[in-house]
C-alpha atoms as a PDB file:
ATOM      1  CA  MET A   1      -0.038  -0.098   0.047  1.00  0.00           C
ATOM      2  CA  TYR A   2       0.927   3.531  -0.627  1.00  0.00           C
ATOM      3  CA  HIS A   3      -0.188   6.028   2.185  1.00  0.00           C
ATOM      4  CA  GLY A   4      -2.866   3.526   2.904  1.00  0.00           C
ATOM      5  CA  VAL A   5      -4.136   2.910  -0.741  1.00  0.00           C
ATOM      6  CA  PRO A   6      -3.748  -0.431  -2.287  1.00  0.00           C
ATOM      7  CA  TYR A   7      -1.351  -0.506  -5.123  1.00  0.00           C
ATOM      8  CA  ASN A   8      -4.028  -2.052  -7.380  1.00  0.00           C
ATOM      9  CA  LYS A   9      -6.326   0.985  -6.956  1.00  0.00           C
ATOM     10  CA  ILE A  10      -3.409   3.131  -7.960  1.00  0.00           C
ATOM     11  CA  VAL A  11      -2.628   1.030 -11.135  1.00  0.00           C
ATOM     12  CA  GLU A  12      -6.194   1.086 -11.975  1.00  0.00           C
ATOM     13  CA  ALA A  13      -6.391   4.964 -11.668  1.00  0.00           C
ATOM     14  CA  TRP A  14      -2.983   5.065 -13.735  1.00  0.00           C
ATOM     15  CA  LEU A  15      -4.505   2.814 -16.505  1.00  0.00           C
ATOM     16  CA  GLY A  16      -7.718   4.722 -16.662  1.00  0.00           C
ATOM     17  CA  ASP A  17     -10.692   3.352 -18.816  1.00  0.00           C
ATOM     18  CA  LYS A  18      -8.643   2.294 -21.622  1.00  0.00           C
ATOM     19  CA  LYS A  19      -7.927  -1.349 -22.247  1.00  0.00           C
ATOM     20  CA  VAL A  20      -4.094  -1.910 -22.802  1.00  0.00           C
ATOM     21  CA  GLU A  21      -4.173  -3.597 -26.429  1.00  0.00           C
ATOM     22  CA  PRO A  22      -1.815  -6.205 -27.834  1.00  0.00           C
ATOM     23  CA  GLY A  23       1.066  -4.398 -29.150  1.00  0.00           C
ATOM     24  CA  ASP A  24       1.120  -1.820 -26.361  1.00  0.00           C
ATOM     25  CA  ARG A  25       1.488  -4.099 -23.418  1.00  0.00           C
ATOM     26  CA  HIS A  26       5.279  -4.498 -23.005  1.00  0.00           C
ATOM     27  CA  HIS A  27       5.786  -0.815 -23.455  1.00  0.00           C
ATOM     28  CA  THR A  28       2.887   0.152 -21.101  1.00  0.00           C
ATOM     29  CA  SER A  29       4.267  -2.254 -18.622  1.00  0.00           C
ATOM     30  CA  LEU A  30       7.726  -0.626 -18.798  1.00  0.00           C
ATOM     31  CA  ILE A  31       6.254   2.754 -18.306  1.00  0.00           C
ATOM     32  CA  LEU A  32       4.211   1.618 -15.381  1.00  0.00           C
ATOM     33  CA  ALA A  33       7.244  -0.223 -13.776  1.00  0.00           C
ATOM     34  CA  ASP A  34       9.102   3.220 -14.172  1.00  0.00           C
ATOM     35  CA  HIS A  35       6.328   5.079 -12.485  1.00  0.00           C
ATOM     36  CA  LEU A  36       5.991   2.560  -9.701  1.00  0.00           C
ATOM     37  CA  ARG A  37       9.532   3.313  -8.623  1.00  0.00           C
ATOM     38  CA  TYR A  38       8.302   6.647  -7.169  1.00  0.00           C
ATOM     39  CA  ILE A  39       5.826   5.107  -4.938  1.00  0.00           C
ATOM     40  CA  THR A  40       7.365   1.710  -3.809  1.00  0.00           C
ATOM     41  CA  ASP A  41      10.813   3.086  -2.570  1.00  0.00           C
ATOM     42  CA  ASN A  42      12.177   1.914  -5.992  1.00  0.00           C
ATOM     43  CA  ASP A  43      12.041  -1.671  -4.775  1.00  0.00           C
ATOM     44  CA  PRO A  44      12.247  -4.014  -7.830  1.00  0.00           C
ATOM     45  CA  VAL A  45      10.738  -6.940  -5.902  1.00  0.00           C
ATOM     46  CA  LEU A  46       7.567  -5.056  -4.911  1.00  0.00           C
ATOM     47  CA  ILE A  47       7.271  -3.502  -8.366  1.00  0.00           C
ATOM     48  CA  GLU A  48       7.348  -7.000 -10.125  1.00  0.00           C
ATOM     49  CA  LYS A  49       4.775  -8.227  -7.765  1.00  0.00           C
ATOM     50  CA  ILE A  50       2.494  -5.341  -8.528  1.00  0.00           C
ATOM     51  CA  LEU A  51       2.982  -5.760 -12.248  1.00  0.00           C
ATOM     52  CA  ARG A  52       2.246  -9.472 -12.075  1.00  0.00           C
ATOM     53  CA  GLN A  53      -1.047  -8.621 -10.360  1.00  0.00           C
ATOM     54  CA  THR A  54      -2.015  -6.311 -13.197  1.00  0.00           C
ATOM     55  CA  PRO A  55      -4.440  -7.930 -15.627  1.00  0.00           C
ATOM     56  CA  PHE A  56      -2.830  -6.894 -18.971  1.00  0.00           C
ATOM     57  CA  VAL A  57       0.568  -8.056 -17.736  1.00  0.00           C
ATOM     58  CA  LYS A  58      -0.977 -11.372 -16.463  1.00  0.00           C
ATOM     59  CA  GLU A  59      -2.300 -11.848 -20.080  1.00  0.00           C
ATOM     60  CA  VAL A  60       1.186 -11.237 -21.834  1.00  0.00           C
ATOM     61  CA  VAL A  61       2.833 -13.605 -19.156  1.00  0.00           C
ATOM     62  CA  GLU A  62       0.383 -16.302 -20.023  1.00  0.00           C
ATOM     63  CA  GLU A  63       0.602 -15.673 -23.690  1.00  0.00           C
ATOM     64  CA  ARG A  64       4.386 -15.631 -24.140  1.00  0.00           C
ATOM     65  CA  ASN A  65       5.933 -15.842 -20.839  1.00  0.00           C
ATOM     66  CA  GLU A  66       6.766 -12.091 -20.577  1.00  0.00           C
ATOM     67  CA  ASP A  67       9.990 -11.438 -18.638  1.00  0.00           C
ATOM     68  CA  VAL A  68       8.573  -9.285 -15.869  1.00  0.00           C
ATOM     69  CA  ALA A  69      11.647  -9.188 -13.969  1.00  0.00           C
ATOM     70  CA  GLY A  70      13.392  -7.824 -17.027  1.00  0.00           C
ATOM     71  CA  THR A  71      10.981  -5.118 -17.665  1.00  0.00           C
ATOM     72  CA  VAL A  72      11.543  -3.946 -13.972  1.00  0.00           C
ATOM     73  CA  LYS A  73      15.295  -4.146 -14.478  1.00  0.00           C
ATOM     74  CA  SER A  74      15.002  -2.034 -17.653  1.00  0.00           C
ATOM     75  CA  ALA A  75      12.822   0.460 -15.718  1.00  0.00           C
ATOM     76  CA  GLN A  76      15.408   0.524 -13.027  1.00  0.00           C
ATOM     77  CA  GLY A  77      17.934   1.861 -15.438  1.00  0.00           C
ATOM     78  CA  TYR A  78      15.738   5.015 -16.308  1.00  0.00           C
ATOM     79  CA  GLU A  79      16.725   8.320 -15.038  1.00  0.00           C
ATOM     80  CA  PHE A  80      15.155   8.948 -11.650  1.00  0.00           C
ATOM     81  CA  LEU A  81      13.326  12.357 -11.804  1.00  0.00           C
ATOM     82  CA  ARG A  82      13.074  14.878  -8.948  1.00  0.00           C
ATOM     83  CA  GLY A  83       9.222  14.412  -8.619  1.00  0.00           C
ATOM     84  CA  ILE A  84       6.709  12.006  -9.365  1.00  0.00           C
ATOM     85  CA  PRO A  85       5.753  11.777 -13.126  1.00  0.00           C
ATOM     86  CA  LYS A  86       2.570  13.486 -14.115  1.00  0.00           C
ATOM     87  CA  ARG A  87       0.586  10.420 -15.087  1.00  0.00           C
ATOM     88  CA  MET A  88       1.361   8.763 -11.575  1.00  0.00           C
ATOM     89  CA  LYS A  89       0.607  12.033  -9.885  1.00  0.00           C
ATOM     90  CA  GLN A  90      -2.824  12.319 -11.692  1.00  0.00           C
ATOM     91  CA  ALA A  91      -3.475   8.675 -10.725  1.00  0.00           C
ATOM     92  CA  LEU A  92      -2.697   9.367  -7.031  1.00  0.00           C
ATOM     93  CA  ASP A  93      -4.839  12.511  -7.066  1.00  0.00           C
ATOM     94  CA  LYS A  94      -7.771  10.491  -8.371  1.00  0.00           C
ATOM     95  CA  VAL A  95      -7.480   7.619  -5.960  1.00  0.00           C
ATOM     96  CA  LEU A  96      -6.850  10.185  -3.056  1.00  0.00           C
ATOM     97  CA  ALA A  97      -9.925  12.080  -4.119  1.00  0.00           C
ATOM     98  CA  SER A  98     -12.095   8.933  -4.429  1.00  0.00           C
ATOM     99  CA  ASP A  99     -10.775   7.532  -1.281  1.00  0.00           C
ATOM    100  CA  SER A 100     -10.480  10.870   0.380  1.00  0.00           C
ATOM    101  CA  SER A 101      -9.634  11.255   4.016  1.00  0.00           C
ATOM    102  CA  THR A 102     -11.214   8.158   5.227  1.00  0.00           C
ATOM    103  CA  ALA A 103      -8.945   5.716   3.604  1.00  0.00           C
ATOM    104  CA  LEU A 104      -5.878   7.587   4.408  1.00  0.00           C
ATOM    105  CA  GLY A 105      -6.854   8.588   7.961  1.00  0.00           C
ATOM    106  CA  MET A 106      -6.317  12.262   6.968  1.00  0.00           C
ATOM    107  CA  THR A 107      -8.457  15.420   8.043  1.00  0.00           C
ATOM    108  CA  ASN A 108      -8.593  19.008   7.494  1.00  0.00           C
ATOM    109  CA  GLY A 109      -6.556  19.329   4.207  1.00  0.00           C
ATOM    110  CA  SER A 110      -3.822  16.843   4.969  1.00  0.00           C
ATOM    111  CA  SER A 111      -4.880  15.262   1.535  1.00  0.00           C
ATOM    112  CA  SER A 112      -4.001  18.465  -0.194  1.00  0.00           C
ATOM    113  CA  ARG A 113      -0.567  18.588   1.480  1.00  0.00           C
ATOM    114  CA  LEU A 114      -0.006  15.097   0.283  1.00  0.00           C
ATOM    115  CA  SER A 115      -1.024  16.030  -3.227  1.00  0.00           C
ATOM    116  CA  ALA A 116       1.197  18.973  -3.048  1.00  0.00           C
ATOM    117  CA  ALA A 117       4.198  16.625  -2.340  1.00  0.00           C
ATOM    118  CA  HIS A 118       3.422  15.029  -5.554  1.00  0.00           C
ATOM    119  CA  GLY A 119       3.435  18.269  -7.637  1.00  0.00           C
ATOM    120  CA  GLY A 120       0.204  19.881  -6.618  1.00  0.00           C
ATOM    121  CA  ASP A 121      -0.433  23.416  -5.736  1.00  0.00           C
ATOM    122  CA  GLY A 122      -0.817  23.090  -2.002  1.00  0.00           C
ATOM    123  CA  GLU A 123       1.788  23.348   0.654  1.00  0.00           C
ATOM    124  CA  ALA A 124       4.721  21.104  -0.461  1.00  0.00           C
ATOM    125  CA  LEU A 125       5.993  18.562   1.975  1.00  0.00           C
ATOM    126  CA  PRO A 126       9.791  17.812   2.014  1.00  0.00           C
ATOM    127  CA  LEU A 127       9.320  14.421   0.400  1.00  0.00           C
ATOM    128  CA  TYR A 128      11.682  15.218  -2.431  1.00  0.00           C
ATOM    129  CA  GLU A 129      13.304  18.568  -1.442  1.00  0.00           C
ATOM    130  CA  GLY A 130      16.822  18.864  -2.357  1.00  0.00           C
ATOM    131  CA  VAL A 131      17.159  15.237  -3.735  1.00  0.00           C
ATOM    132  CA  VAL A 132      19.052  14.919  -7.175  1.00  0.00           C
ATOM    133  CA  TYR A 133      18.890  11.451  -8.789  1.00  0.00           C
ATOM    134  CA  GLN A 134      21.335  10.192 -11.351  1.00  0.00           C
ATOM    135  CA  ARG A 135      21.132   7.570 -14.102  1.00  0.00           C
ATOM    136  CA  ALA A 136      21.729   4.245 -12.585  1.00  0.00           C
ATOM    137  CA  SER A 137      25.060   2.774 -13.783  1.00  0.00           C
ATOM    138  CA  SER A 138      24.967  -0.430 -15.645  1.00  0.00           C
END
C-alpha cells in the first residue's frame, strides 16, 4: 500500500478506462514499472509483484511468458526524476480524491498537502526536497 491506498487501486487509476491492447502491453508495463518506482521506494521485488497482479501483464505472461523481472530491471535503469511523473501524480490524485480522507486517515486538508508533495499546488511536503537523482549505472 502507498499512504494507505492499495497499489492495485493506484494502477487502475493510472491505466484509466482504456484497455491495454496487444502491441502496447510491453511498452505500457515498462512505463508503469518506471512510474511505480516513485511510490515503492524503488523496490524491484515489489514493483514486479504489483506488475504481475495487473491484468494486462498477466495476459502477456500467459501468452508468451513475458519477462516481468527483465521489464522491471530495464525500468530501474531509467533516470530517476525529482518528482513523481505527471501520469502517476494524476492517478494518485484521482485515488486520493475518491478514497478521500477516510482511507488515508487524513482530516482538514492533509490530503491537499500530500497532493502537493506529488506536484500539486498546496503546501509542499519535504518528500523530495533537495534530492537529485542520477541515471543508474549499468
